[in-house]
């Protein structure tokens, strides 16, 4: 429709990382399965 702003598309993940959660610790980043998120957080990783 004219005059209506377009909604931004959510950023798509690669097939390899679909369903995984991005976490970071320092300058490192990785993708973890949701069932492993709590353990990674316990070890100092944070959701990115």
PDB file of N, CA and C in Angstrom:
ATOM      1  N   UNK A   1       0.834  -1.173   0.000  1.00  0.00           N
ATOM      2  CA  UNK A   1       0.000   0.000   0.000  1.00  0.00           C
ATOM      3  C   UNK A   1       0.885   1.243   0.000  1.00  0.00           C
ATOM      4  N   UNK A   2       0.446   2.232  -0.692  1.00  0.00           N
ATOM      5  CA  UNK A   2       1.209   3.476  -0.776  1.00  0.00           C
ATOM      6  C   UNK A   2       1.157   4.212   0.553  1.00  0.00           C
ATOM      7  N   UNK A   3       2.280   4.810   0.938  1.00  0.00           N
ATOM      8  CA  UNK A   3       2.333   5.588   2.158  1.00  0.00           C
ATOM      9  C   UNK A   3       2.483   4.770   3.424  1.00  0.00           C
ATOM     10  N   UNK A   4       2.533   3.478   3.289  1.00  0.00           N
ATOM     11  CA  UNK A   4       2.672   2.618   4.464  1.00  0.00           C
ATOM     12  C   UNK A   4       4.101   2.091   4.526  1.00  0.00           C
ATOM     13  N   UNK A   5       4.797   2.298   5.641  1.00  0.00           N
ATOM     14  CA  UNK A   5       6.186   1.825   5.713  1.00  0.00           C
ATOM     15  C   UNK A   5       6.254   0.304   5.662  1.00  0.00           C
ATOM     16  N   UNK A   6       7.301  -0.185   5.005  1.00  0.00           N
ATOM     17  CA  UNK A   6       7.482  -1.631   4.916  1.00  0.00           C
ATOM     18  C   UNK A   6       8.040  -2.155   6.230  1.00  0.00           C
ATOM     19  N   UNK A   7       7.540  -3.289   6.648  1.00  0.00           N
ATOM     20  CA  UNK A   7       8.061  -3.914   7.863  1.00  0.00           C
ATOM     21  C   UNK A   7       9.417  -4.529   7.549  1.00  0.00           C
ATOM     22  N   UNK A   8      10.326  -4.404   8.493  1.00  0.00           N
ATOM     23  CA  UNK A   8      11.640  -5.003   8.289  1.00  0.00           C
ATOM     24  C   UNK A   8      11.526  -6.513   8.425  1.00  0.00           C
ATOM     25  N   UNK A   9      12.229  -7.210   7.550  1.00  0.00           N
ATOM     26  CA  UNK A   9      12.234  -8.659   7.621  1.00  0.00           C
ATOM     27  C   UNK A   9      13.197  -9.091   8.718  1.00  0.00           C
ATOM     28  N   UNK A  10      12.819 -10.112   9.486  1.00  0.00           N
ATOM     29  CA  UNK A  10      13.755 -10.590  10.500  1.00  0.00           C
ATOM     30  C   UNK A  10      14.992 -11.176   9.835  1.00  0.00           C
ATOM     31  N   UNK A  11      16.126 -11.043  10.510  1.00  0.00           N
ATOM     32  CA  UNK A  11      17.369 -11.560   9.958  1.00  0.00           C
ATOM     33  C   UNK A  11      17.290 -13.084   9.916  1.00  0.00           C
ATOM     34  N   UNK A  12      17.552 -13.651   8.745  1.00  0.00           N
ATOM     35  CA  UNK A  12      17.470 -15.093   8.588  1.00  0.00           C
ATOM     36  C   UNK A  12      18.787 -15.748   8.960  1.00  0.00           C
ATOM     37  N   UNK A  13      18.691 -16.923   9.583  1.00  0.00           N
ATOM     38  CA  UNK A  13      19.875 -17.692   9.906  1.00  0.00           C
ATOM     39  C   UNK A  13      20.128 -18.702   8.796  1.00  0.00           C
ATOM     40  N   UNK A  14      21.366 -19.141   8.680  1.00  0.00           N
ATOM     41  CA  UNK A  14      21.700 -20.198   7.744  1.00  0.00           C
ATOM     42  C   UNK A  14      21.010 -21.479   8.174  1.00  0.00           C
ATOM     43  N   UNK A  15      20.896 -22.426   7.235  1.00  0.00           N
ATOM     44  CA  UNK A  15      20.329 -23.726   7.572  1.00  0.00           C
ATOM     45  C   UNK A  15      21.123 -24.390   8.685  1.00  0.00           C
ATOM     46  N   UNK A  16      22.438 -24.198   8.674  1.00  0.00           N
ATOM     47  CA  UNK A  16      23.306 -24.838   9.662  1.00  0.00           C
ATOM     48  C   UNK A  16      23.044 -24.345  11.078  1.00  0.00           C
ATOM     49  N   UNK A  17      22.552 -23.130  11.238  1.00  0.00           N
ATOM     50  CA  UNK A  17      22.340 -22.567  12.570  1.00  0.00           C
ATOM     51  C   UNK A  17      20.864 -22.387  12.909  1.00  0.00           C
ATOM     52  N   UNK A  18      19.979 -22.847  12.049  1.00  0.00           N
ATOM     53  CA  UNK A  18      18.545 -22.711  12.303  1.00  0.00           C
ATOM     54  C   UNK A  18      18.178 -23.451  13.584  1.00  0.00           C
ATOM     55  N   UNK A  19      17.454 -22.796  14.455  1.00  0.00           N
ATOM     56  CA  UNK A  19      17.025 -23.404  15.705  1.00  0.00           C
ATOM     57  C   UNK A  19      18.044 -23.302  16.826  1.00  0.00           C
ATOM     58  N   UNK A  20      19.213 -22.736  16.532  1.00  0.00           N
ATOM     59  CA  UNK A  20      20.250 -22.586  17.544  1.00  0.00           C
ATOM     60  C   UNK A  20      20.280 -21.154  18.056  1.00  0.00           C
ATOM     61  N   UNK A  21      20.882 -20.948  19.204  1.00  0.00           N
ATOM     62  CA  UNK A  21      20.937 -19.635  19.840  1.00  0.00           C
ATOM     63  C   UNK A  21      22.373 -19.140  19.808  1.00  0.00           C
ATOM     64  N   UNK A  22      22.556 -17.901  19.366  1.00  0.00           N
ATOM     65  CA  UNK A  22      23.889 -17.312  19.290  1.00  0.00           C
ATOM     66  C   UNK A  22      24.304 -16.827  20.669  1.00  0.00           C
ATOM     67  N   UNK A  23      25.505 -17.237  21.098  1.00  0.00           N
ATOM     68  CA  UNK A  23      26.053 -16.796  22.376  1.00  0.00           C
ATOM     69  C   UNK A  23      27.446 -16.236  22.153  1.00  0.00           C
ATOM     70  N   UNK A  24      27.881 -15.389  23.073  1.00  0.00           N
ATOM     71  CA  UNK A  24      29.198 -14.759  22.951  1.00  0.00           C
ATOM     72  C   UNK A  24      29.882 -14.732  24.308  1.00  0.00           C
ATOM     73  N   UNK A  25      31.213 -14.812  24.247  1.00  0.00           N
ATOM     74  CA  UNK A  25      32.049 -14.703  25.447  1.00  0.00           C
ATOM     75  C   UNK A  25      33.342 -14.050  24.995  1.00  0.00           C
ATOM     76  N   UNK A  26      33.559 -12.817  25.437  1.00  0.00           N
ATOM     77  CA  UNK A  26      34.717 -12.073  24.947  1.00  0.00           C
ATOM     78  C   UNK A  26      34.542 -11.804  23.466  1.00  0.00           C
ATOM     79  N   UNK A  27      35.541 -12.147  22.670  1.00  0.00           N
ATOM     80  CA  UNK A  27      35.454 -11.930  21.224  1.00  0.00           C
ATOM     81  C   UNK A  27      34.958 -13.169  20.486  1.00  0.00           C
ATOM     82  N   UNK A  28      34.653 -14.242  21.217  1.00  0.00           N
ATOM     83  CA  UNK A  28      34.189 -15.479  20.589  1.00  0.00           C
ATOM     84  C   UNK A  28      32.668 -15.499  20.497  1.00  0.00           C
ATOM     85  N   UNK A  29      32.166 -16.068  19.414  1.00  0.00           N
ATOM     86  CA  UNK A  29      30.724 -16.257  19.236  1.00  0.00           C
ATOM     87  C   UNK A  29      30.494 -17.668  18.732  1.00  0.00           C
ATOM     88  N   UNK A  30      29.407 -18.273  19.184  1.00  0.00           N
ATOM     89  CA  UNK A  30      29.038 -19.587  18.679  1.00  0.00           C
ATOM     90  C   UNK A  30      27.542 -19.774  18.804  1.00  0.00           C
ATOM     91  N   UNK A  31      27.052 -20.835  18.198  1.00  0.00           N
ATOM     92  CA  UNK A  31      25.631 -21.160  18.221  1.00  0.00           C
ATOM     93  C   UNK A  31      25.447 -22.439  19.025  1.00  0.00           C
ATOM     94  N   UNK A  32      24.505 -22.412  19.962  1.00  0.00           N
ATOM     95  CA  UNK A  32      24.270 -23.575  20.808  1.00  0.00           C
ATOM     96  C   UNK A  32      22.811 -24.009  20.718  1.00  0.00           C
ATOM     97  N   UNK A  33      22.592 -25.280  20.992  1.00  0.00           N
ATOM     98  CA  UNK A  33      21.240 -25.824  21.026  1.00  0.00           C
ATOM     99  C   UNK A  33      20.534 -25.268  22.268  1.00  0.00           C
ATOM    100  N   UNK A  34      19.240 -25.004  22.172  1.00  0.00           N
ATOM    101  CA  UNK A  34      18.519 -24.454  23.326  1.00  0.00           C
ATOM    102  C   UNK A  34      18.672 -25.288  24.602  1.00  0.00           C
ATOM    103  N   UNK A  35      18.821 -26.598  24.472  1.00  0.00           N
ATOM    104  CA  UNK A  35      18.973 -27.435  25.663  1.00  0.00           C
ATOM    105  C   UNK A  35      20.327 -27.227  26.345  1.00  0.00           C
ATOM    106  N   UNK A  36      21.297 -26.628  25.647  1.00  0.00           N
ATOM    107  CA  UNK A  36      22.627 -26.388  26.210  1.00  0.00           C
ATOM    108  C   UNK A  36      22.819 -24.935  26.648  1.00  0.00           C
ATOM    109  N   UNK A  37      21.809 -24.092  26.447  1.00  0.00           N
ATOM    110  CA  UNK A  37      21.951 -22.667  26.741  1.00  0.00           C
ATOM    111  C   UNK A  37      22.228 -22.404  28.220  1.00  0.00           C
ATOM    112  N   UNK A  38      21.500 -23.040  29.111  1.00  0.00           N
ATOM    113  CA  UNK A  38      21.685 -22.804  30.546  1.00  0.00           C
ATOM    114  C   UNK A  38      23.108 -23.147  30.977  1.00  0.00           C
ATOM    115  N   UNK A  39      23.651 -24.231  30.485  1.00  0.00           N
ATOM    116  CA  UNK A  39      25.014 -24.623  30.843  1.00  0.00           C
ATOM    117  C   UNK A  39      26.031 -23.621  30.315  1.00  0.00           C
ATOM    118  N   UNK A  40      25.837 -23.135  29.101  1.00  0.00           N
ATOM    119  CA  UNK A  40      26.749 -22.130  28.551  1.00  0.00           C
ATOM    120  C   UNK A  40      26.676 -20.833  29.358  1.00  0.00           C
ATOM    121  N   UNK A  41      25.467 -20.431  29.751  1.00  0.00           N
ATOM    122  CA  UNK A  41      25.325 -19.229  30.577  1.00  0.00           C
ATOM    123  C   UNK A  41      26.033 -19.416  31.918  1.00  0.00           C
ATOM    124  N   UNK A  42      25.942 -20.615  32.484  1.00  0.00           N
ATOM    125  CA  UNK A  42      26.612 -20.907  33.751  1.00  0.00           C
ATOM    126  C   UNK A  42      28.125 -20.761  33.605  1.00  0.00           C
ATOM    127  N   UNK A  43      28.634 -21.036  32.401  1.00  0.00           N
ATOM    128  CA  UNK A  43      30.068 -20.950  32.135  1.00  0.00           C
ATOM    129  C   UNK A  43      30.507 -19.562  31.668  1.00  0.00           C
ATOM    130  N   UNK A  44      29.581 -18.584  31.707  1.00  0.00           N
ATOM    131  CA  UNK A  44      29.955 -17.208  31.399  1.00  0.00           C
ATOM    132  C   UNK A  44      29.596 -16.720  30.011  1.00  0.00           C
ATOM    133  N   UNK A  45      28.947 -17.553  29.207  1.00  0.00           N
ATOM    134  CA  UNK A  45      28.513 -17.126  27.876  1.00  0.00           C
ATOM    135  C   UNK A  45      27.236 -16.311  28.023  1.00  0.00           C
ATOM    136  N   UNK A  46      27.020 -15.358  27.111  1.00  0.00           N
ATOM    137  CA  UNK A  46      25.814 -14.531  27.122  1.00  0.00           C
ATOM    138  C   UNK A  46      25.157 -14.599  25.756  1.00  0.00           C
ATOM    139  N   UNK A  47      23.821 -14.533  25.746  1.00  0.00           N
ATOM    140  CA  UNK A  47      23.109 -14.502  24.465  1.00  0.00           C
ATOM    141  C   UNK A  47      23.509 -13.250  23.708  1.00  0.00           C
ATOM    142  N   UNK A  48      23.799 -13.431  22.434  1.00  0.00           N
ATOM    143  CA  UNK A  48      24.228 -12.301  21.594  1.00  0.00           C
ATOM    144  C   UNK A  48      23.064 -11.776  20.784  1.00  0.00           C
TER     145      UNK A  48
END
